[in-house]
Structures are given as structure tokens and as C-alpha cells.
Amino acid sequence: MKRLFNLHRYPLYAKKLHWEIASKAILGQKGISKTGSIVCYGLPIITLSANSHIIFGTGIALHLDANHTALGVSHPVILRALLLGASISIGDKAGMSGTTVCAARSVCVGNRCLIGADVVIADTDFHPIAMEDRRYKGFADAILHPIEIEDDVFIGARAIILKEVKIGEGSVVGAGSVVTTDVPTGVVVAGNPARIVSKIQDPAY
């Protein structure tokens, strides 16, 4: 009864209802494959190229509004499958806050992964490295390699995960890190470029 008369929360309830209805419409319109429930605190930005795919597991939470995550976010969750046949898959019970995922080939995020505020994950350089015509050529001409993030990985706020990287199960990427090479299972990495700074004290590793 007390909550019923908590009038100052009514705008929040209305916003959540809007997000629930609108996010389902967006996912349905884009043809997103999902195996179960998805909770969206805000509305995602989604782009799919021809014959590309975005696949969601169940129990996923997307935090897209600055009021609904402790650090805030500078933009909604952005998911872009950039080229023909590109794929993005997000595992069960994953959480993402203002995360950008760009896949020209493939980005795979495992189960129970936590991806912090404004993290960028991109499997392409977006432009060729060679100077000639760099301005006029895009990700179709750039170097690209898949990214794999295994189960139970925690990626801290504003980290950047670059192409051809595999992050091992249970590992932690420190806030603001730039990951350019593979990360083993059960370690903490930090820095630019990211390096191993400690091992996770867990019997599983």
C-alpha cells in the first residue's frame, strides 16, 4: 500500500513500462533471436547488415539509461553487425551498461559476463592501416578478426577490447584498459596495452 501512494515514483514506472514495450518492438522489428527474457533500462541502438545476426540468451540486462547504473553511461547500448554475415551473440544472464559492440565478422560474449559502463568491443580497425585512401575506405577494407569472451568475464568501465582477442573464463579486465592480445583464464589484466597484474584467488583457476 505504501508503494501505491509513492507518487514521485510514478514517472519511473511509466518509463519502465515504455522501455519494456518499445524494446520488445525494436528487437522484434530487427529480427533479433532470443531464447528468453531481456530487461532493457532504456532503448538499444541496433544495426544489422544483410544476412547478419544478433542472438541473445536468456536473463540478459541492458542498462542504457544513466540513472540506472552507478557510474552512469554516456550513450545507450549499441549493437552493430557491420558486414554481410556478421554475428553478435550474448550469453545467458549477461549484463551490459552503455556498451558498444561492433562486429564485422563475429563477437561472442559468454554466459554471466558483466560488461561495465561505456565499454567498446570491436573486431575491426574500421579503416585500412595504409595511408592510401584510408579516408575513403571503411571496415570492408580494414583488418578484422573475431572476438571471443568466455563465461563469467568482468570487463571494467570504459575498457576497449580490440580485434582477434580471446578473454578466458572468469578473468577481469580493469577499467580503462585496452586489450590487444589474448587474456588467459582466471587472471586480472589492466593497462594500455593490458597486461596481467594478478591471478584470481579462486580454486576453480
C-alpha atoms as a PDB file:
ATOM      1  CA  MET A   1       0.000   0.000   0.000  1.00  0.00           C
ATOM      2  CA  LYS A   2       2.848   2.374   0.842  1.00  0.00           C
ATOM      3  CA  ARG A   3       4.335   1.911  -2.607  1.00  0.00           C
ATOM      4  CA  LEU A   4       0.949   2.580  -4.194  1.00  0.00           C
ATOM      5  CA  PHE A   5       0.947   6.114  -2.769  1.00  0.00           C
ATOM      6  CA  ASN A   6       4.638   6.752  -3.535  1.00  0.00           C
ATOM      7  CA  LEU A   7       3.630   9.228  -6.246  1.00  0.00           C
ATOM      8  CA  HIS A   8       7.111  10.513  -7.051  1.00  0.00           C
ATOM      9  CA  ARG A   9       7.969   7.071  -8.462  1.00  0.00           C
ATOM     10  CA  TYR A  10       5.101   7.040 -10.969  1.00  0.00           C
ATOM     11  CA  PRO A  11       7.177   8.671 -13.770  1.00  0.00           C
ATOM     12  CA  LEU A  12       9.777   5.921 -13.290  1.00  0.00           C
ATOM     13  CA  TYR A  13       7.115   3.217 -13.512  1.00  0.00           C
ATOM     14  CA  ALA A  14       5.776   4.804 -16.708  1.00  0.00           C
ATOM     15  CA  LYS A  15       9.284   4.986 -18.159  1.00  0.00           C
ATOM     16  CA  LYS A  16       9.963   1.330 -17.365  1.00  0.00           C
ATOM     17  CA  LEU A  17       6.691   0.298 -18.994  1.00  0.00           C
ATOM     18  CA  HIS A  18       7.594   2.336 -22.080  1.00  0.00           C
ATOM     19  CA  TRP A  19      11.054   0.734 -22.222  1.00  0.00           C
ATOM     20  CA  GLU A  20       9.583  -2.752 -21.904  1.00  0.00           C
ATOM     21  CA  ILE A  21       7.073  -2.253 -24.707  1.00  0.00           C
ATOM     22  CA  ALA A  22       9.363  -0.272 -27.018  1.00  0.00           C
ATOM     23  CA  SER A  23      12.417  -2.513 -26.557  1.00  0.00           C
ATOM     24  CA  LYS A  24      10.366  -5.606 -27.413  1.00  0.00           C
ATOM     25  CA  ALA A  25       9.131  -3.813 -30.532  1.00  0.00           C
ATOM     26  CA  ILE A  26      12.692  -2.868 -31.540  1.00  0.00           C
ATOM     27  CA  LEU A  27      14.037  -6.385 -31.019  1.00  0.00           C
ATOM     28  CA  GLY A  28      11.113  -7.884 -32.897  1.00  0.00           C
ATOM     29  CA  GLN A  29      11.421  -5.404 -35.762  1.00  0.00           C
ATOM     30  CA  LYS A  30      15.144  -6.116 -36.103  1.00  0.00           C
ATOM     31  CA  GLY A  31      14.559  -9.863 -36.060  1.00  0.00           C
ATOM     32  CA  ILE A  32      16.764 -10.466 -33.021  1.00  0.00           C
ATOM     33  CA  SER A  33      16.920 -14.113 -31.978  1.00  0.00           C
ATOM     34  CA  LYS A  34      16.468 -14.674 -28.239  1.00  0.00           C
ATOM     35  CA  THR A  35      15.936 -17.682 -26.031  1.00  0.00           C
ATOM     36  CA  GLY A  36      14.273 -15.931 -23.092  1.00  0.00           C
ATOM     37  CA  SER A  37      13.738 -12.737 -21.144  1.00  0.00           C
ATOM     38  CA  ILE A  38      15.635  -9.487 -21.725  1.00  0.00           C
ATOM     39  CA  VAL A  39      15.339  -6.464 -19.419  1.00  0.00           C
ATOM     40  CA  CYS A  40      16.140  -3.088 -21.008  1.00  0.00           C
ATOM     41  CA  TYR A  41      16.626   0.053 -18.912  1.00  0.00           C
ATOM     42  CA  GLY A  42      16.359   2.322 -21.935  1.00  0.00           C
ATOM     43  CA  LEU A  43      16.231   1.626 -25.669  1.00  0.00           C
ATOM     44  CA  PRO A  44      19.124  -0.017 -27.554  1.00  0.00           C
ATOM     45  CA  ILE A  45      20.546   1.136 -30.887  1.00  0.00           C
ATOM     46  CA  ILE A  46      20.753  -1.862 -33.225  1.00  0.00           C
ATOM     47  CA  THR A  47      22.042  -2.118 -36.792  1.00  0.00           C
ATOM     48  CA  LEU A  48      22.033  -5.297 -38.871  1.00  0.00           C
ATOM     49  CA  SER A  49      23.506  -5.760 -42.331  1.00  0.00           C
ATOM     50  CA  ALA A  50      22.124  -8.282 -44.812  1.00  0.00           C
ATOM     51  CA  ASN A  51      22.227 -11.867 -43.524  1.00  0.00           C
ATOM     52  CA  SER A  52      23.829 -10.761 -40.261  1.00  0.00           C
ATOM     53  CA  HIS A  53      22.623 -11.986 -36.883  1.00  0.00           C
ATOM     54  CA  ILE A  54      22.345 -10.874 -33.266  1.00  0.00           C
ATOM     55  CA  ILE A  55      21.485 -13.630 -30.803  1.00  0.00           C
ATOM     56  CA  PHE A  56      20.527 -13.088 -27.152  1.00  0.00           C
ATOM     57  CA  GLY A  57      20.425 -15.714 -24.447  1.00  0.00           C
ATOM     58  CA  THR A  58      18.010 -15.539 -21.519  1.00  0.00           C
ATOM     59  CA  GLY A  59      18.051 -13.333 -18.424  1.00  0.00           C
ATOM     60  CA  ILE A  60      20.058 -10.537 -20.085  1.00  0.00           C
ATOM     61  CA  ALA A  61      20.026  -6.987 -18.668  1.00  0.00           C
ATOM     62  CA  LEU A  62      20.846  -3.986 -20.843  1.00  0.00           C
ATOM     63  CA  HIS A  63      21.459  -0.754 -18.911  1.00  0.00           C
ATOM     64  CA  LEU A  64      21.054   2.111 -21.352  1.00  0.00           C
ATOM     65  CA  ASP A  65      19.988   4.970 -19.089  1.00  0.00           C
ATOM     66  CA  ALA A  66      22.424   6.918 -16.877  1.00  0.00           C
ATOM     67  CA  ASN A  67      20.003   6.835 -13.942  1.00  0.00           C
ATOM     68  CA  HIS A  68      20.031   3.047 -13.790  1.00  0.00           C
ATOM     69  CA  THR A  69      23.703   2.242 -13.320  1.00  0.00           C
ATOM     70  CA  ALA A  70      26.067   3.532 -10.638  1.00  0.00           C
ATOM     71  CA  LEU A  71      28.709   5.032 -12.983  1.00  0.00           C
ATOM     72  CA  GLY A  72      26.184   6.320 -15.457  1.00  0.00           C
ATOM     73  CA  VAL A  73      26.518   5.795 -19.208  1.00  0.00           C
ATOM     74  CA  SER A  74      27.260   8.277 -21.973  1.00  0.00           C
ATOM     75  CA  HIS A  75      25.033   6.526 -24.528  1.00  0.00           C
ATOM     76  CA  PRO A  76      22.674   3.541 -24.885  1.00  0.00           C
ATOM     77  CA  VAL A  77      23.841   0.015 -25.636  1.00  0.00           C
ATOM     78  CA  ILE A  78      24.885  -0.037 -29.309  1.00  0.00           C
ATOM     79  CA  LEU A  79      24.975  -3.307 -31.240  1.00  0.00           C
ATOM     80  CA  ARG A  80      26.084  -3.184 -34.870  1.00  0.00           C
ATOM     81  CA  ALA A  81      26.594  -6.128 -37.230  1.00  0.00           C
ATOM     82  CA  LEU A  82      28.503  -4.251 -39.893  1.00  0.00           C
ATOM     83  CA  LEU A  83      29.013  -6.601 -42.836  1.00  0.00           C
ATOM     84  CA  LEU A  84      27.244  -9.369 -44.707  1.00  0.00           C
ATOM     85  CA  GLY A  85      27.012 -12.426 -42.455  1.00  0.00           C
ATOM     86  CA  ALA A  86      28.422 -10.750 -39.336  1.00  0.00           C
ATOM     87  CA  SER A  87      27.238 -12.081 -35.976  1.00  0.00           C
ATOM     88  CA  ILE A  88      26.950 -10.958 -32.360  1.00  0.00           C
ATOM     89  CA  SER A  89      25.956 -13.401 -29.632  1.00  0.00           C
ATOM     90  CA  ILE A  90      25.318 -12.525 -25.986  1.00  0.00           C
ATOM     91  CA  GLY A  91      25.108 -15.392 -23.493  1.00  0.00           C
ATOM     92  CA  ASP A  92      22.651 -16.110 -20.679  1.00  0.00           C
ATOM     93  CA  LYS A  93      22.491 -13.726 -17.700  1.00  0.00           C
ATOM     94  CA  ALA A  94      24.942 -11.256 -19.211  1.00  0.00           C
ATOM     95  CA  GLY A  95      24.776  -7.595 -18.180  1.00  0.00           C
ATOM     96  CA  MET A  96      25.824  -4.636 -20.336  1.00  0.00           C
ATOM     97  CA  SER A  97      25.874  -0.921 -19.460  1.00  0.00           C
ATOM     98  CA  GLY A  98      26.157   1.565 -22.310  1.00  0.00           C
ATOM     99  CA  THR A  99      28.288  -0.994 -24.154  1.00  0.00           C
ATOM    100  CA  THR A 100      29.183  -0.677 -27.835  1.00  0.00           C
ATOM    101  CA  VAL A 101      29.658  -3.906 -29.785  1.00  0.00           C
ATOM    102  CA  CYS A 102      30.680  -3.668 -33.447  1.00  0.00           C
ATOM    103  CA  ALA A 103      31.122  -6.913 -35.371  1.00  0.00           C
ATOM    104  CA  ALA A 104      32.324  -7.006 -38.948  1.00  0.00           C
ATOM    105  CA  ARG A 105      32.826 -10.748 -38.576  1.00  0.00           C
ATOM    106  CA  SER A 106      31.988 -12.133 -35.113  1.00  0.00           C
ATOM    107  CA  VAL A 107      31.776 -11.100 -31.463  1.00  0.00           C
ATOM    108  CA  CYS A 108      30.767 -13.788 -28.966  1.00  0.00           C
ATOM    109  CA  VAL A 109      30.081 -12.929 -25.306  1.00  0.00           C
ATOM    110  CA  GLY A 110      29.649 -15.864 -22.923  1.00  0.00           C
ATOM    111  CA  ASN A 111      27.247 -16.566 -20.082  1.00  0.00           C
ATOM    112  CA  ARG A 112      27.128 -14.409 -16.924  1.00  0.00           C
ATOM    113  CA  CYS A 113      29.527 -11.801 -18.282  1.00  0.00           C
ATOM    114  CA  LEU A 114      29.449  -8.304 -16.777  1.00  0.00           C
ATOM    115  CA  ILE A 115      30.409  -5.512 -19.140  1.00  0.00           C
ATOM    116  CA  GLY A 116      30.851  -2.129 -17.464  1.00  0.00           C
ATOM    117  CA  ALA A 117      29.888   1.396 -18.426  1.00  0.00           C
ATOM    118  CA  ASP A 118      30.827   2.548 -21.938  1.00  0.00           C
ATOM    119  CA  VAL A 119      32.980  -0.463 -22.830  1.00  0.00           C
ATOM    120  CA  VAL A 120      33.837  -0.726 -26.552  1.00  0.00           C
ATOM    121  CA  ILE A 121      34.208  -4.129 -28.251  1.00  0.00           C
ATOM    122  CA  ALA A 122      35.156  -4.070 -31.940  1.00  0.00           C
ATOM    123  CA  ASP A 123      36.509  -6.821 -34.179  1.00  0.00           C
ATOM    124  CA  THR A 124      37.616  -4.412 -36.915  1.00  0.00           C
ATOM    125  CA  ASP A 125      40.016  -1.477 -37.356  1.00  0.00           C
ATOM    126  CA  PHE A 126      37.182   0.311 -39.232  1.00  0.00           C
ATOM    127  CA  HIS A 127      39.670   1.781 -41.740  1.00  0.00           C
ATOM    128  CA  PRO A 128      42.730   0.342 -43.506  1.00  0.00           C
ATOM    129  CA  ILE A 129      46.094   0.926 -41.831  1.00  0.00           C
ATOM    130  CA  ALA A 130      47.752   2.004 -45.101  1.00  0.00           C
ATOM    131  CA  MET A 131      47.522   5.757 -45.669  1.00  0.00           C
ATOM    132  CA  GLU A 132      46.387   5.498 -49.268  1.00  0.00           C
ATOM    133  CA  ASP A 133      42.643   6.102 -49.495  1.00  0.00           C
ATOM    134  CA  ARG A 134      42.271   5.481 -45.739  1.00  0.00           C
ATOM    135  CA  ARG A 135      39.747   8.278 -45.504  1.00  0.00           C
ATOM    136  CA  TYR A 136      37.592   6.804 -48.266  1.00  0.00           C
ATOM    137  CA  LYS A 137      37.701   3.134 -47.317  1.00  0.00           C
ATOM    138  CA  GLY A 138      35.775   1.639 -44.420  1.00  0.00           C
ATOM    139  CA  PHE A 139      35.558  -1.574 -42.430  1.00  0.00           C
ATOM    140  CA  ALA A 140      35.004  -3.700 -45.545  1.00  0.00           C
ATOM    141  CA  ASP A 141      38.644  -2.942 -46.437  1.00  0.00           C
ATOM    142  CA  ALA A 142      40.010  -2.982 -42.884  1.00  0.00           C
ATOM    143  CA  ILE A 143      41.692  -5.785 -40.961  1.00  0.00           C
ATOM    144  CA  LEU A 144      39.135  -7.762 -38.965  1.00  0.00           C
ATOM    145  CA  HIS A 145      39.242 -10.845 -36.740  1.00  0.00           C
ATOM    146  CA  PRO A 146      36.630 -12.390 -34.385  1.00  0.00           C
ATOM    147  CA  ILE A 147      36.471 -11.687 -30.657  1.00  0.00           C
ATOM    148  CA  GLU A 148      35.543 -14.315 -28.066  1.00  0.00           C
ATOM    149  CA  ILE A 149      34.743 -13.501 -24.448  1.00  0.00           C
ATOM    150  CA  GLU A 150      34.265 -16.656 -22.397  1.00  0.00           C
ATOM    151  CA  ASP A 151      31.876 -17.252 -19.468  1.00  0.00           C
ATOM    152  CA  ASP A 152      31.982 -15.202 -16.229  1.00  0.00           C
ATOM    153  CA  VAL A 153      34.268 -12.459 -17.547  1.00  0.00           C
ATOM    154  CA  PHE A 154      34.060  -8.995 -15.920  1.00  0.00           C
ATOM    155  CA  ILE A 155      35.101  -6.030 -18.077  1.00  0.00           C
ATOM    156  CA  GLY A 156      35.528  -2.753 -16.192  1.00  0.00           C
ATOM    157  CA  ALA A 157      34.187   0.628 -17.262  1.00  0.00           C
ATOM    158  CA  ARG A 158      35.475   2.234 -20.449  1.00  0.00           C
ATOM    159  CA  ALA A 159      37.767  -0.637 -21.384  1.00  0.00           C
ATOM    160  CA  ILE A 160      38.353  -1.314 -25.086  1.00  0.00           C
ATOM    161  CA  ILE A 161      38.510  -4.844 -26.499  1.00  0.00           C
ATOM    162  CA  LEU A 162      40.101  -4.964 -29.947  1.00  0.00           C
ATOM    163  CA  LYS A 163      40.087  -7.496 -32.796  1.00  0.00           C
ATOM    164  CA  GLU A 164      41.496 -11.037 -32.602  1.00  0.00           C
ATOM    165  CA  VAL A 165      41.199 -11.229 -28.797  1.00  0.00           C
ATOM    166  CA  LYS A 166      40.024 -14.124 -26.653  1.00  0.00           C
ATOM    167  CA  ILE A 167      39.364 -13.439 -22.964  1.00  0.00           C
ATOM    168  CA  GLY A 168      39.488 -16.582 -20.852  1.00  0.00           C
ATOM    169  CA  GLU A 169      36.806 -17.776 -18.466  1.00  0.00           C
ATOM    170  CA  GLY A 170      36.432 -15.846 -15.205  1.00  0.00           C
ATOM    171  CA  SER A 171      39.020 -13.183 -16.000  1.00  0.00           C
ATOM    172  CA  VAL A 172      38.745  -9.488 -15.139  1.00  0.00           C
ATOM    173  CA  VAL A 173      39.681  -6.548 -17.361  1.00  0.00           C
ATOM    174  CA  GLY A 174      40.476  -3.407 -15.372  1.00  0.00           C
ATOM    175  CA  ALA A 175      38.674  -0.139 -16.022  1.00  0.00           C
ATOM    176  CA  GLY A 176      40.089   1.884 -18.909  1.00  0.00           C
ATOM    177  CA  SER A 177      42.232  -0.982 -20.202  1.00  0.00           C
ATOM    178  CA  VAL A 178      42.956  -1.561 -23.885  1.00  0.00           C
ATOM    179  CA  VAL A 179      43.048  -5.290 -24.658  1.00  0.00           C
ATOM    180  CA  THR A 180      45.022  -6.140 -27.803  1.00  0.00           C
ATOM    181  CA  THR A 181      46.081  -9.765 -27.114  1.00  0.00           C
ATOM    182  CA  ASP A 182      44.526 -12.887 -25.623  1.00  0.00           C
ATOM    183  CA  VAL A 183      43.811 -12.983 -21.879  1.00  0.00           C
ATOM    184  CA  PRO A 184      44.249 -16.350 -20.081  1.00  0.00           C
ATOM    185  CA  THR A 185      41.660 -17.929 -17.812  1.00  0.00           C
ATOM    186  CA  GLY A 186      41.324 -16.642 -14.236  1.00  0.00           C
ATOM    187  CA  VAL A 187      43.541 -13.543 -14.285  1.00  0.00           C
ATOM    188  CA  VAL A 188      43.221  -9.774 -13.834  1.00  0.00           C
ATOM    189  CA  VAL A 189      44.611  -7.579 -16.608  1.00  0.00           C
ATOM    190  CA  ALA A 190      44.959  -3.804 -16.673  1.00  0.00           C
ATOM    191  CA  GLY A 191      46.667  -1.012 -18.565  1.00  0.00           C
ATOM    192  CA  ASN A 192      47.269   0.139 -22.123  1.00  0.00           C
ATOM    193  CA  PRO A 193      48.081  -2.289 -23.583  1.00  0.00           C
ATOM    194  CA  ALA A 194      46.572  -4.592 -20.956  1.00  0.00           C
ATOM    195  CA  ARG A 195      48.967  -6.856 -19.043  1.00  0.00           C
ATOM    196  CA  ILE A 196      48.426  -9.490 -16.358  1.00  0.00           C
ATOM    197  CA  VAL A 197      48.624  -7.883 -12.912  1.00  0.00           C
ATOM    198  CA  SER A 198      47.378 -10.746 -10.725  1.00  0.00           C
ATOM    199  CA  LYS A 199      45.767 -14.154 -10.668  1.00  0.00           C
ATOM    200  CA  ILE A 200      42.249 -14.574  -9.324  1.00  0.00           C
ATOM    201  CA  GLN A 201      42.317 -16.406  -5.995  1.00  0.00           C
ATOM    202  CA  ASP A 202      39.703 -18.991  -6.774  1.00  0.00           C
ATOM    203  CA  PRO A 203      40.068 -22.791  -6.555  1.00  0.00           C
ATOM    204  CA  ALA A 204      38.495 -23.065  -9.998  1.00  0.00           C
ATOM    205  CA  TYR A 205      41.599 -21.447 -11.506  1.00  0.00           C
END
